[in-house]
Amino acid sequence: MSTQTEKGKVFRSLHERDGAFIIPNPWDVGTARLLKSLGFEALATTSAGFAFSAGQPDNTIGRDRMMIHVAEIVSATDLPVSADLESGFGESPETVAETIQLASQTGLVGGSIEDRTGSPDSPIYELDLAVERIRAAAEAAHALPFVFTLTARAENYIVGRQDLKDTILRLQAYQEAGADVLYAPGLKSKEDITTVVRSVDRPVNVIMGLQGSQLSLSTLSEIGVKRVSVGSALSRAAMGAFLRAATEMKMHGTFTFAEQAVTFKEINTLFQSS
């Protein structure tokens, strides 16, 4: 696979076949290559995982730096890559459309736009503006000379608004505005996810790896989910192992953590072959 056109078609086709597929989230070139070596079919970036690797909180990476990062992930393998484009790096529909255009120039074949504002007082965009932002993103995506899969995210549950009715209303509105995939991160129960899947007629992405999200790929496939991501969970798992190891050294002066580490030979060989 070499061209963006080919990758775009392959990525879209993954959403159209039977069952769900896992789209894991690397946070740097090395993890992207490792995931490729394990046989995954597509990758998605994680804004949080990348921010943590840079020693920053989530949502503090600017657009220019994020575009450099996603281009690095794209260049790491020949897999299709979709990006976490946060809220489009601006409020206006025009800025969101510009973000999609810039993203397309990095080699990406997909990206997500969320309806979170970043303001603690009003964390979710009002519906009318949220829809206009997705419509602008969809128009920009669908005007590209290759298939770019736009994912629209309804962030209610992430900001603590456990409102399934409003979440579904938003996803349905984003569908009508032109989104290709729908996504409500934070849903954990089989019942809620099933309700969302049955309420829309676009492929649905769910995130596993959040506390309490323990449904299997086979279960998610059975209820009609098409794509499963893990967000920052892989990066947090790696950092958790790092912190436990560092704490052991500091608190106990021992090094048993190394017994669980991948061997030098194994990891070196993996990168030689990638």
Protein backbone atom coordinates (compact mmCIF):
# COMPACT_ATOMS: atom_id res chain seq x y z
CA MET A 1 0.00 0.00 0.00
CA SER A 2 1.56 3.30 -0.99
CA THR A 3 -0.79 6.08 -1.98
CA GLN A 4 -3.18 8.14 0.08
CA THR A 5 -5.95 7.21 -2.36
CA GLU A 6 -5.39 3.50 -1.76
CA LYS A 7 -5.18 3.96 1.99
CA GLY A 8 -8.38 5.98 2.02
CA LYS A 9 -10.28 3.25 0.23
CA VAL A 10 -8.87 0.52 2.46
CA PHE A 11 -9.69 2.45 5.61
CA ARG A 12 -13.28 3.10 4.56
CA SER A 13 -13.72 -0.56 3.60
CA LEU A 14 -12.78 -1.67 7.12
CA HIS A 15 -15.98 0.05 8.33
CA GLU A 16 -18.11 -1.67 5.70
CA ARG A 17 -17.26 -5.32 6.28
CA ASP A 18 -18.91 -7.61 8.82
CA GLY A 19 -17.86 -7.25 12.43
CA ALA A 20 -15.76 -4.73 14.29
CA PHE A 21 -12.06 -4.01 13.92
CA ILE A 22 -9.62 -2.66 16.49
CA ILE A 23 -7.84 0.58 15.62
CA PRO A 24 -5.10 0.95 18.26
CA ASN A 25 -3.57 4.27 19.22
CA PRO A 26 0.22 4.71 19.04
CA TRP A 27 1.78 7.85 20.44
CA ASP A 28 5.09 7.86 18.58
CA VAL A 29 6.89 6.28 15.63
CA GLY A 30 8.15 3.32 17.66
CA THR A 31 4.75 2.31 18.97
CA ALA A 32 3.22 2.74 15.51
CA ARG A 33 5.78 0.30 14.08
CA LEU A 34 5.22 -2.18 16.89
CA LEU A 35 1.47 -2.16 16.27
CA LYS A 36 2.08 -2.68 12.56
CA SER A 37 4.31 -5.67 13.37
CA LEU A 38 1.47 -7.24 15.37
CA GLY A 39 -0.81 -7.23 12.35
CA PHE A 40 -3.25 -4.38 13.02
CA GLU A 41 -4.88 -3.02 9.88
CA ALA A 42 -5.11 0.70 10.69
CA LEU A 43 -3.93 3.15 13.33
CA ALA A 44 -5.38 6.18 15.10
CA THR A 45 -3.42 8.87 16.87
CA THR A 46 -4.13 9.86 20.47
CA SER A 47 -3.88 13.53 21.40
CA ALA A 48 -3.64 12.64 25.09
CA GLY A 49 -0.99 9.97 24.59
CA PHE A 50 1.13 12.34 22.53
CA ALA A 51 0.70 15.18 25.03
CA PHE A 52 1.73 12.90 27.91
CA SER A 53 4.83 11.79 25.99
CA ALA A 54 5.73 15.47 25.65
CA GLY A 55 5.24 16.05 29.38
CA GLN A 56 2.07 18.09 28.88
CA PRO A 57 -1.61 17.70 29.81
CA ASP A 58 -4.10 16.73 27.12
CA ASN A 59 -5.43 19.50 24.86
CA THR A 60 -2.31 21.65 25.22
CA ILE A 61 -0.60 20.74 21.95
CA GLY A 62 -1.06 23.39 19.28
CA ARG A 63 -2.25 22.64 15.77
CA ASP A 64 1.10 23.15 14.03
CA ARG A 65 2.88 20.78 16.37
CA MET A 66 0.06 18.26 16.15
CA MET A 67 0.28 18.21 12.36
CA ILE A 68 4.00 17.44 12.58
CA HIS A 69 3.21 14.62 15.00
CA VAL A 70 0.48 13.01 12.90
CA ALA A 71 2.70 13.21 9.81
CA GLU A 72 5.35 11.26 11.73
CA ILE A 73 2.80 8.57 12.62
CA VAL A 74 1.68 8.39 8.98
CA SER A 75 5.25 7.99 7.77
CA ALA A 76 6.05 5.30 10.33
CA THR A 77 4.15 2.54 8.49
CA ASP A 78 2.16 1.90 5.34
CA LEU A 79 -1.10 1.53 7.30
CA PRO A 80 -4.06 3.90 6.99
CA VAL A 81 -4.02 6.46 9.82
CA SER A 82 -6.86 8.48 11.31
CA ALA A 83 -6.07 11.36 13.67
CA ASP A 84 -7.50 12.69 16.87
CA LEU A 85 -7.97 16.29 15.80
CA GLU A 86 -9.50 17.29 19.12
CA SER A 87 -12.08 20.04 18.64
CA GLY A 88 -10.56 21.21 15.38
CA PHE A 89 -8.18 23.66 17.08
CA GLY A 90 -10.68 26.50 17.02
CA GLU A 91 -14.31 27.36 17.56
CA SER A 92 -15.43 28.56 14.16
CA PRO A 93 -16.59 26.19 11.42
CA GLU A 94 -14.06 27.84 9.11
CA THR A 95 -11.19 26.93 11.43
CA VAL A 96 -12.42 23.35 11.70
CA ALA A 97 -12.58 23.06 7.90
CA GLU A 98 -9.06 24.46 7.65
CA THR A 99 -7.87 21.84 10.16
CA ILE A 100 -9.30 19.07 7.99
CA GLN A 101 -7.53 20.49 4.95
CA LEU A 102 -4.22 20.70 6.81
CA ALA A 103 -4.69 17.18 8.15
CA SER A 104 -5.22 15.84 4.66
CA GLN A 105 -1.83 17.22 3.63
CA THR A 106 -0.04 15.06 6.21
CA GLY A 107 -1.07 11.77 4.60
CA LEU A 108 -3.96 11.05 6.94
CA VAL A 109 -7.06 9.34 5.56
CA GLY A 110 -9.32 10.08 8.49
CA GLY A 111 -9.81 12.31 11.49
CA SER A 112 -12.19 13.07 14.32
CA ILE A 113 -13.73 16.33 15.45
CA GLU A 114 -15.28 16.61 18.91
CA ASP A 115 -17.88 18.96 20.33
CA ARG A 116 -16.01 19.76 23.55
CA THR A 117 -15.23 23.46 24.05
CA GLY A 118 -12.44 23.22 26.61
CA SER A 119 -14.32 25.61 28.89
CA PRO A 120 -15.27 24.24 32.34
CA ASP A 121 -18.30 26.56 32.52
CA SER A 122 -19.75 25.44 29.18
CA PRO A 123 -17.90 22.25 28.20
CA ILE A 124 -19.99 21.27 25.15
CA TYR A 125 -20.79 23.45 22.15
CA GLU A 126 -24.43 24.40 21.71
CA LEU A 127 -26.03 22.03 19.25
CA ASP A 128 -26.47 24.47 16.35
CA LEU A 129 -22.82 25.51 16.39
CA ALA A 130 -21.67 21.93 16.96
CA VAL A 131 -23.59 20.83 13.87
CA GLU A 132 -22.19 23.66 11.77
CA ARG A 133 -18.68 22.68 12.81
CA ILE A 134 -19.24 19.07 11.72
CA ARG A 135 -20.89 20.21 8.49
CA ALA A 136 -17.88 22.39 7.66
CA ALA A 137 -15.53 19.51 8.46
CA ALA A 138 -17.56 17.10 6.31
CA GLU A 139 -17.66 19.48 3.36
CA ALA A 140 -13.89 19.93 3.55
CA ALA A 141 -13.31 16.18 3.91
CA HIS A 142 -15.61 15.18 1.08
CA ALA A 143 -14.13 17.78 -1.29
CA LEU A 144 -10.73 16.07 -1.10
CA PRO A 145 -9.51 14.04 -4.11
CA PHE A 146 -9.42 10.85 -2.02
CA VAL A 147 -11.64 9.15 0.55
CA PHE A 148 -11.24 10.87 3.92
CA THR A 149 -13.31 9.32 6.72
CA LEU A 150 -14.64 11.97 9.10
CA THR A 151 -15.58 10.90 12.62
CA ALA A 152 -17.86 13.13 14.71
CA ARG A 153 -17.53 12.85 18.47
CA ALA A 154 -20.22 13.65 21.06
CA GLU A 155 -18.30 14.30 24.28
CA ASN A 156 -21.11 14.45 26.87
CA TYR A 157 -19.96 11.44 28.87
CA ILE A 158 -16.31 12.54 28.86
CA VAL A 159 -17.22 15.83 30.58
CA GLY A 160 -19.55 14.15 33.07
CA ARG A 161 -22.90 14.68 31.34
CA GLN A 162 -24.47 11.22 31.52
CA ASP A 163 -27.24 12.16 29.09
CA LEU A 164 -27.83 9.38 26.57
CA LYS A 165 -30.81 11.11 24.97
CA ASP A 166 -28.85 14.28 24.17
CA THR A 167 -25.85 12.22 23.06
CA ILE A 168 -27.98 10.33 20.55
CA LEU A 169 -29.62 13.56 19.40
CA ARG A 170 -26.18 15.01 18.72
CA LEU A 171 -24.92 11.93 16.91
CA GLN A 172 -28.01 11.90 14.69
CA ALA A 173 -27.47 15.59 13.90
CA TYR A 174 -23.81 14.99 13.10
CA GLN A 175 -24.84 12.14 10.83
CA GLU A 176 -27.15 14.46 8.91
CA ALA A 177 -24.35 17.04 8.75
CA GLY A 178 -22.19 14.56 6.83
CA ALA A 179 -20.09 12.62 9.35
CA ASP A 180 -18.97 9.21 8.11
CA VAL A 181 -18.43 7.61 11.54
CA LEU A 182 -20.05 8.44 14.90
CA TYR A 183 -18.41 8.24 18.29
CA ALA A 184 -19.54 8.92 21.87
CA PRO A 185 -16.52 8.26 24.08
CA GLY A 186 -17.31 7.31 27.65
CA LEU A 187 -20.14 4.88 26.97
CA LYS A 188 -19.43 1.69 28.90
CA SER A 189 -22.52 -0.46 29.21
CA LYS A 190 -23.62 -2.91 26.56
CA GLU A 191 -27.14 -1.49 26.78
CA ASP A 192 -26.11 2.11 26.13
CA ILE A 193 -23.81 1.19 23.26
CA THR A 194 -26.53 -0.98 21.71
CA THR A 195 -29.00 1.89 21.95
CA VAL A 196 -26.59 4.24 20.17
CA VAL A 197 -25.84 1.74 17.40
CA ARG A 198 -29.55 1.19 16.77
CA SER A 199 -30.27 4.94 16.76
CA VAL A 200 -27.97 5.87 13.85
CA ASP A 201 -27.17 4.54 10.41
CA ARG A 202 -23.45 5.27 10.30
CA PRO A 203 -20.60 3.08 11.59
CA VAL A 204 -20.07 3.58 15.32
CA ASN A 205 -16.70 3.75 17.05
CA VAL A 206 -16.43 2.93 20.75
CA ILE A 207 -13.47 3.30 23.07
CA MET A 208 -12.32 0.55 25.38
CA GLY A 209 -9.57 0.92 27.94
CA LEU A 210 -11.49 3.35 30.14
CA GLN A 211 -12.19 2.23 33.69
CA GLY A 212 -15.26 0.02 33.56
CA SER A 213 -15.10 -0.55 29.80
CA GLN A 214 -14.55 -4.29 29.64
CA LEU A 215 -16.62 -5.48 26.68
CA SER A 216 -14.83 -7.80 24.25
CA LEU A 217 -14.37 -7.30 20.53
CA SER A 218 -16.72 -10.21 19.82
CA THR A 219 -19.46 -8.74 22.04
CA LEU A 220 -19.09 -5.31 20.43
CA SER A 221 -19.29 -6.91 16.98
CA GLU A 222 -22.48 -8.72 17.93
CA ILE A 223 -24.23 -5.48 18.88
CA GLY A 224 -23.19 -3.75 15.66
CA VAL A 225 -20.15 -1.68 16.58
CA LYS A 226 -17.78 -1.27 13.63
CA ARG A 227 -14.61 0.22 15.14
CA VAL A 228 -12.94 -0.05 18.54
CA SER A 229 -10.20 2.32 19.69
CA VAL A 230 -8.36 2.58 23.00
CA GLY A 231 -7.44 6.27 23.14
CA SER A 232 -4.58 6.95 25.53
CA ALA A 233 -4.90 3.54 27.26
CA LEU A 234 -1.82 2.00 25.64
CA SER A 235 0.30 5.02 26.51
CA ARG A 236 -1.03 5.01 30.07
CA ALA A 237 -0.31 1.29 30.38
CA ALA A 238 3.29 1.91 29.33
CA MET A 239 3.63 4.85 31.70
CA GLY A 240 2.08 2.82 34.48
CA ALA A 241 4.77 0.16 34.04
CA PHE A 242 7.43 2.88 33.96
CA LEU A 243 6.15 4.49 37.16
CA ARG A 244 5.92 1.17 38.98
CA ALA A 245 9.50 0.36 37.96
CA ALA A 246 10.83 3.76 38.95
CA THR A 247 8.96 3.60 42.27
CA GLU A 248 10.45 0.18 43.00
CA MET A 249 13.95 1.53 42.45
CA LYS A 250 13.35 4.64 44.54
CA MET A 251 11.46 3.04 47.43
CA HIS A 252 13.11 -0.37 47.65
CA GLY A 253 16.37 -0.19 45.75
CA THR A 254 15.44 -3.33 43.81
CA PHE A 255 15.13 -4.04 40.11
CA THR A 256 12.68 -6.92 39.75
CA PHE A 257 10.67 -4.87 37.25
CA ALA A 258 13.18 -5.89 34.59
CA GLU A 259 11.85 -9.45 34.74
CA GLN A 260 8.69 -8.21 33.00
CA ALA A 261 10.50 -6.10 30.41
CA VAL A 262 10.74 -7.12 26.78
CA THR A 263 14.25 -8.35 26.09
CA PHE A 264 16.75 -6.14 24.31
CA LYS A 265 17.13 -8.73 21.56
CA GLU A 266 13.39 -9.00 20.96
CA ILE A 267 12.70 -5.29 20.72
CA ASN A 268 15.83 -4.63 18.70
CA THR A 269 14.89 -7.35 16.24
CA LEU A 270 11.35 -6.00 15.90
CA PHE A 271 12.66 -2.58 14.91
CA GLN A 272 15.21 -4.06 12.52
CA SER A 273 12.40 -5.83 10.69
CA SER A 274 10.09 -2.84 10.64
